[in-house]
Structure formats: structure tokens, C-alpha cells
Amino acid sequence: MESRVLGMKLGLDEQGRHWIRRPDSKLMENQREIAQRAERLAAKLREMGIDPDGV
């Protein structure tokens, strides 16, 4: 399926999971990937002595 207005494509992979492809042809991140990236960034801020909850 394609949204011509948004320029995005939607579909299912072999395991039946939904995917969304952005107009630049890259796949959008899922919620788990976003949460993992957020945790990595928070850990990096803590290494730098910055409280990620205070930013």
C-alpha cells in the first residue's frame, strides 16, 4: 500500500510485522528501536556527567 500524499509505503514483512518506508526509502524505526536508541543516548549523557532527565 502507498500513501501518495505522504509519499510513504506500508506493508508486512515475512513474519507478518508491519513496516513503513519513508519518502527517502529508509524504513521507519519501530517503538523498540526508538527506545533502545533513547537508552543509548541517555547512557552517553550519563557518561558525560549530564542527567538525561534534567535536560
PDB file of N, CA and C in Angstrom:
ATOM      1  N   MET A   1       0.848  -1.167   0.000  1.00  0.00           N
ATOM      2  CA  MET A   1       0.000   0.000   0.000  1.00  0.00           C
ATOM      3  C   MET A   1       0.898   1.236   0.000  1.00  0.00           C
ATOM      4  N   GLU A   2       0.429   2.279  -0.635  1.00  0.00           N
ATOM      5  CA  GLU A   2       1.214   3.513  -0.710  1.00  0.00           C
ATOM      6  C   GLU A   2       0.333   4.724  -0.440  1.00  0.00           C
ATOM      7  N   SER A   3       0.884   5.668   0.335  1.00  0.00           N
ATOM      8  CA  SER A   3       0.220   6.946   0.544  1.00  0.00           C
ATOM      9  C   SER A   3       0.886   7.949  -0.388  1.00  0.00           C
ATOM     10  N   ARG A   4       0.190   8.337  -1.425  1.00  0.00           N
ATOM     11  CA  ARG A   4       0.773   9.289  -2.382  1.00  0.00           C
ATOM     12  C   ARG A   4       0.893  10.676  -1.771  1.00  0.00           C
ATOM     13  N   VAL A   5      -0.013  11.019  -0.856  1.00  0.00           N
ATOM     14  CA  VAL A   5       0.037  12.333  -0.205  1.00  0.00           C
ATOM     15  C   VAL A   5       1.285  12.433   0.669  1.00  0.00           C
ATOM     16  N   LEU A   6       1.548  11.396   1.476  1.00  0.00           N
ATOM     17  CA  LEU A   6       2.701  11.406   2.379  1.00  0.00           C
ATOM     18  C   LEU A   6       3.969  10.890   1.716  1.00  0.00           C
ATOM     19  N   GLY A   7       3.830  10.183   0.604  1.00  0.00           N
ATOM     20  CA  GLY A   7       4.991   9.613  -0.065  1.00  0.00           C
ATOM     21  C   GLY A   7       5.562   8.429   0.680  1.00  0.00           C
ATOM     22  N   MET A   8       4.733   7.740   1.448  1.00  0.00           N
ATOM     23  CA  MET A   8       5.191   6.610   2.259  1.00  0.00           C
ATOM     24  C   MET A   8       4.559   5.325   1.750  1.00  0.00           C
ATOM     25  N   LYS A   9       5.280   4.213   1.976  1.00  0.00           N
ATOM     26  CA  LYS A   9       4.769   2.892   1.629  1.00  0.00           C
ATOM     27  C   LYS A   9       4.603   2.084   2.901  1.00  0.00           C
ATOM     28  N   LEU A  10       3.559   1.281   2.956  1.00  0.00           N
ATOM     29  CA  LEU A  10       3.271   0.445   4.115  1.00  0.00           C
ATOM     30  C   LEU A  10       3.156  -1.000   3.659  1.00  0.00           C
ATOM     31  N   GLY A  11       3.550  -1.932   4.538  1.00  0.00           N
ATOM     32  CA  GLY A  11       3.438  -3.330   4.182  1.00  0.00           C
ATOM     33  C   GLY A  11       3.699  -4.245   5.354  1.00  0.00           C
ATOM     34  N   LEU A  12       3.759  -5.531   5.046  1.00  0.00           N
ATOM     35  CA  LEU A  12       4.054  -6.570   6.026  1.00  0.00           C
ATOM     36  C   LEU A  12       5.305  -7.316   5.585  1.00  0.00           C
ATOM     37  N   ASP A  13       6.160  -7.680   6.564  1.00  0.00           N
ATOM     38  CA  ASP A  13       7.325  -8.494   6.221  1.00  0.00           C
ATOM     39  C   ASP A  13       6.949  -9.971   6.298  1.00  0.00           C
ATOM     40  N   GLU A  14       7.937 -10.850   6.118  1.00  0.00           N
ATOM     41  CA  GLU A  14       7.693 -12.286   6.084  1.00  0.00           C
ATOM     42  C   GLU A  14       7.128 -12.826   7.395  1.00  0.00           C
ATOM     43  N   GLN A  15       7.434 -12.166   8.512  1.00  0.00           N
ATOM     44  CA  GLN A  15       6.947 -12.598   9.821  1.00  0.00           C
ATOM     45  C   GLN A  15       5.598 -11.966  10.174  1.00  0.00           C
ATOM     46  N   GLY A  16       5.029 -11.200   9.251  1.00  0.00           N
ATOM     47  CA  GLY A  16       3.735 -10.569   9.496  1.00  0.00           C
ATOM     48  C   GLY A  16       3.813  -9.274  10.271  1.00  0.00           C
ATOM     49  N   ARG A  17       5.013  -8.712  10.404  1.00  0.00           N
ATOM     50  CA  ARG A  17       5.175  -7.435  11.108  1.00  0.00           C
ATOM     51  C   ARG A  17       4.990  -6.280  10.124  1.00  0.00           C
ATOM     52  N   HIS A  18       4.360  -5.232  10.594  1.00  0.00           N
ATOM     53  CA  HIS A  18       4.138  -4.053   9.763  1.00  0.00           C
ATOM     54  C   HIS A  18       5.437  -3.271   9.583  1.00  0.00           C
ATOM     55  N   TRP A  19       5.576  -2.632   8.434  1.00  0.00           N
ATOM     56  CA  TRP A  19       6.696  -1.734   8.193  1.00  0.00           C
ATOM     57  C   TRP A  19       6.183  -0.501   7.458  1.00  0.00           C
ATOM     58  N   ILE A  20       6.928   0.593   7.634  1.00  0.00           N
ATOM     59  CA  ILE A  20       6.625   1.846   6.938  1.00  0.00           C
ATOM     60  C   ILE A  20       7.926   2.336   6.319  1.00  0.00           C
ATOM     61  N   ARG A  21       7.894   2.610   5.035  1.00  0.00           N
ATOM     62  CA  ARG A  21       9.060   3.138   4.333  1.00  0.00           C
ATOM     63  C   ARG A  21       8.827   4.618   4.074  1.00  0.00           C
ATOM     64  N   ARG A  22       9.793   5.431   4.519  1.00  0.00           N
ATOM     65  CA  ARG A  22       9.703   6.887   4.378  1.00  0.00           C
ATOM     66  C   ARG A  22       9.900   7.302   2.919  1.00  0.00           C
ATOM     67  N   PRO A  23       9.621   8.564   2.599  1.00  0.00           N
ATOM     68  CA  PRO A  23       9.816   9.035   1.220  1.00  0.00           C
ATOM     69  C   PRO A  23      11.257   8.907   0.726  1.00  0.00           C
ATOM     70  N   ASP A  24      12.246   8.898   1.649  1.00  0.00           N
ATOM     71  CA  ASP A  24      13.646   8.742   1.243  1.00  0.00           C
ATOM     72  C   ASP A  24      14.042   7.266   1.121  1.00  0.00           C
ATOM     73  N   SER A  25      13.053   6.363   1.154  1.00  0.00           N
ATOM     74  CA  SER A  25      13.211   4.910   1.002  1.00  0.00           C
ATOM     75  C   SER A  25      13.773   4.198   2.225  1.00  0.00           C
ATOM     76  N   LYS A  26      14.036   4.911   3.318  1.00  0.00           N
ATOM     77  CA  LYS A  26      14.511   4.267   4.547  1.00  0.00           C
ATOM     78  C   LYS A  26      13.313   3.777   5.352  1.00  0.00           C
ATOM     79  N   LEU A  27      13.518   2.647   6.057  1.00  0.00           N
ATOM     80  CA  LEU A  27      12.461   2.136   6.923  1.00  0.00           C
ATOM     81  C   LEU A  27      12.380   2.977   8.186  1.00  0.00           C
ATOM     82  N   MET A  28      11.156   3.218   8.647  1.00  0.00           N
ATOM     83  CA  MET A  28      10.975   3.926   9.912  1.00  0.00           C
ATOM     84  C   MET A  28      11.299   2.979  11.051  1.00  0.00           C
ATOM     85  N   GLU A  29      11.811   3.527  12.143  1.00  0.00           N
ATOM     86  CA  GLU A  29      12.120   2.723  13.318  1.00  0.00           C
ATOM     87  C   GLU A  29      10.832   2.301  14.010  1.00  0.00           C
ATOM     88  N   ASN A  30      10.873   1.125  14.647  1.00  0.00           N
ATOM     89  CA  ASN A  30       9.731   0.707  15.446  1.00  0.00           C
ATOM     90  C   ASN A  30       9.931   1.203  16.881  1.00  0.00           C
ATOM     91  N   GLN A  31       8.927   1.000  17.729  1.00  0.00           N
ATOM     92  CA  GLN A  31       8.989   1.525  19.098  1.00  0.00           C
ATOM     93  C   GLN A  31      10.162   0.952  19.879  1.00  0.00           C
ATOM     94  N   ARG A  32      10.457  -0.323  19.696  1.00  0.00           N
ATOM     95  CA  ARG A  32      11.577  -0.938  20.424  1.00  0.00           C
ATOM     96  C   ARG A  32      12.907  -0.311  19.996  1.00  0.00           C
ATOM     97  N   GLU A  33      13.087  -0.093  18.697  1.00  0.00           N
ATOM     98  CA  GLU A  33      14.327   0.516  18.214  1.00  0.00           C
ATOM     99  C   GLU A  33      14.480   1.941  18.726  1.00  0.00           C
ATOM    100  N   ILE A  34      13.392   2.683  18.776  1.00  0.00           N
ATOM    101  CA  ILE A  34      13.435   4.051  19.296  1.00  0.00           C
ATOM    102  C   ILE A  34      13.808   4.044  20.774  1.00  0.00           C
ATOM    103  N   ALA A  35      13.214   3.130  21.542  1.00  0.00           N
ATOM    104  CA  ALA A  35      13.513   3.035  22.979  1.00  0.00           C
ATOM    105  C   ALA A  35      14.964   2.645  23.206  1.00  0.00           C
ATOM    106  N   GLN A  36      15.484   1.733  22.408  1.00  0.00           N
ATOM    107  CA  GLN A  36      16.886   1.322  22.544  1.00  0.00           C
ATOM    108  C   GLN A  36      17.826   2.482  22.231  1.00  0.00           C
ATOM    109  N   ARG A  37      17.504   3.236  21.181  1.00  0.00           N
ATOM    110  CA  ARG A  37      18.350   4.379  20.824  1.00  0.00           C
ATOM    111  C   ARG A  37      18.299   5.433  21.917  1.00  0.00           C
ATOM    112  N   ALA A  38      17.115   5.663  22.493  1.00  0.00           N
ATOM    113  CA  ALA A  38      16.972   6.640  23.576  1.00  0.00           C
ATOM    114  C   ALA A  38      17.801   6.220  24.786  1.00  0.00           C
ATOM    115  N   GLU A  39      17.801   4.932  25.107  1.00  0.00           N
ATOM    116  CA  GLU A  39      18.586   4.459  26.251  1.00  0.00           C
ATOM    117  C   GLU A  39      20.088   4.613  25.995  1.00  0.00           C
ATOM    118  N   ARG A  40      20.526   4.347  24.771  1.00  0.00           N
ATOM    119  CA  ARG A  40      21.950   4.541  24.440  1.00  0.00           C
ATOM    120  C   ARG A  40      22.338   6.013  24.581  1.00  0.00           C
ATOM    121  N   LEU A  41      21.482   6.903  24.109  1.00  0.00           N
ATOM    122  CA  LEU A  41      21.768   8.337  24.230  1.00  0.00           C
ATOM    123  C   LEU A  41      21.783   8.779  25.690  1.00  0.00           C
ATOM    124  N   ALA A  42      20.844   8.262  26.489  1.00  0.00           N
ATOM    125  CA  ALA A  42      20.806   8.601  27.918  1.00  0.00           C
ATOM    126  C   ALA A  42      22.069   8.107  28.618  1.00  0.00           C
ATOM    127  N   ALA A  43      22.522   6.899  28.268  1.00  0.00           N
ATOM    128  CA  ALA A  43      23.743   6.354  28.867  1.00  0.00           C
ATOM    129  C   ALA A  43      24.948   7.220  28.505  1.00  0.00           C
ATOM    130  N   LYS A  44      25.000   7.680  27.266  1.00  0.00           N
ATOM    131  CA  LYS A  44      26.108   8.544  26.834  1.00  0.00           C
ATOM    132  C   LYS A  44      26.092   9.860  27.611  1.00  0.00           C
ATOM    133  N   LEU A  45      24.908  10.434  27.810  1.00  0.00           N
ATOM    134  CA  LEU A  45      24.816  11.665  28.593  1.00  0.00           C
ATOM    135  C   LEU A  45      25.290  11.435  30.026  1.00  0.00           C
ATOM    136  N   ARG A  46      24.905  10.300  30.620  1.00  0.00           N
ATOM    137  CA  ARG A  46      25.354   9.991  31.988  1.00  0.00           C
ATOM    138  C   ARG A  46      26.873   9.879  32.042  1.00  0.00           C
ATOM    139  N   GLU A  47      27.487   9.259  31.008  1.00  0.00           N
ATOM    140  CA  GLU A  47      28.956   9.163  30.945  1.00  0.00           C
ATOM    141  C   GLU A  47      29.590  10.548  30.939  1.00  0.00           C
ATOM    142  N   MET A  48      28.894  11.499  30.335  1.00  0.00           N
ATOM    143  CA  MET A  48      29.400  12.867  30.245  1.00  0.00           C
ATOM    144  C   MET A  48      29.056  13.690  31.480  1.00  0.00           C
ATOM    145  N   GLY A  49      28.407  13.054  32.474  1.00  0.00           N
ATOM    146  CA  GLY A  49      28.052  13.755  33.696  1.00  0.00           C
ATOM    147  C   GLY A  49      26.786  14.580  33.600  1.00  0.00           C
ATOM    148  N   ILE A  50      25.963  14.279  32.622  1.00  0.00           N
ATOM    149  CA  ILE A  50      24.721  15.029  32.410  1.00  0.00           C
ATOM    150  C   ILE A  50      23.553  14.128  32.787  1.00  0.00           C
ATOM    151  N   ASP A  51      22.632  14.639  33.588  1.00  0.00           N
ATOM    152  CA  ASP A  51      21.440  13.900  33.949  1.00  0.00           C
ATOM    153  C   ASP A  51      20.437  13.995  32.799  1.00  0.00           C
ATOM    154  N   PRO A  52      20.164  12.894  32.088  1.00  0.00           N
ATOM    155  CA  PRO A  52      19.255  12.975  30.953  1.00  0.00           C
ATOM    156  C   PRO A  52      17.841  13.394  31.324  1.00  0.00           C
ATOM    157  N   ASP A  53      17.425  13.157  32.572  1.00  0.00           N
ATOM    158  CA  ASP A  53      16.100  13.575  32.998  1.00  0.00           C
ATOM    159  C   ASP A  53      16.037  15.062  33.297  1.00  0.00           C
ATOM    160  N   GLY A  54      17.183  15.700  33.426  1.00  0.00           N
ATOM    161  CA  GLY A  54      17.230  17.121  33.726  1.00  0.00           C
ATOM    162  C   GLY A  54      17.471  17.988  32.510  1.00  0.00           C
ATOM    163  N   VAL A  55      17.573  17.376  31.364  1.00  0.00           N
ATOM    164  CA  VAL A  55      17.843  18.139  30.147  1.00  0.00           C
ATOM    165  C   VAL A  55      16.560  18.567  29.500  1.00  0.00           C
TER     166      VAL A  55
END
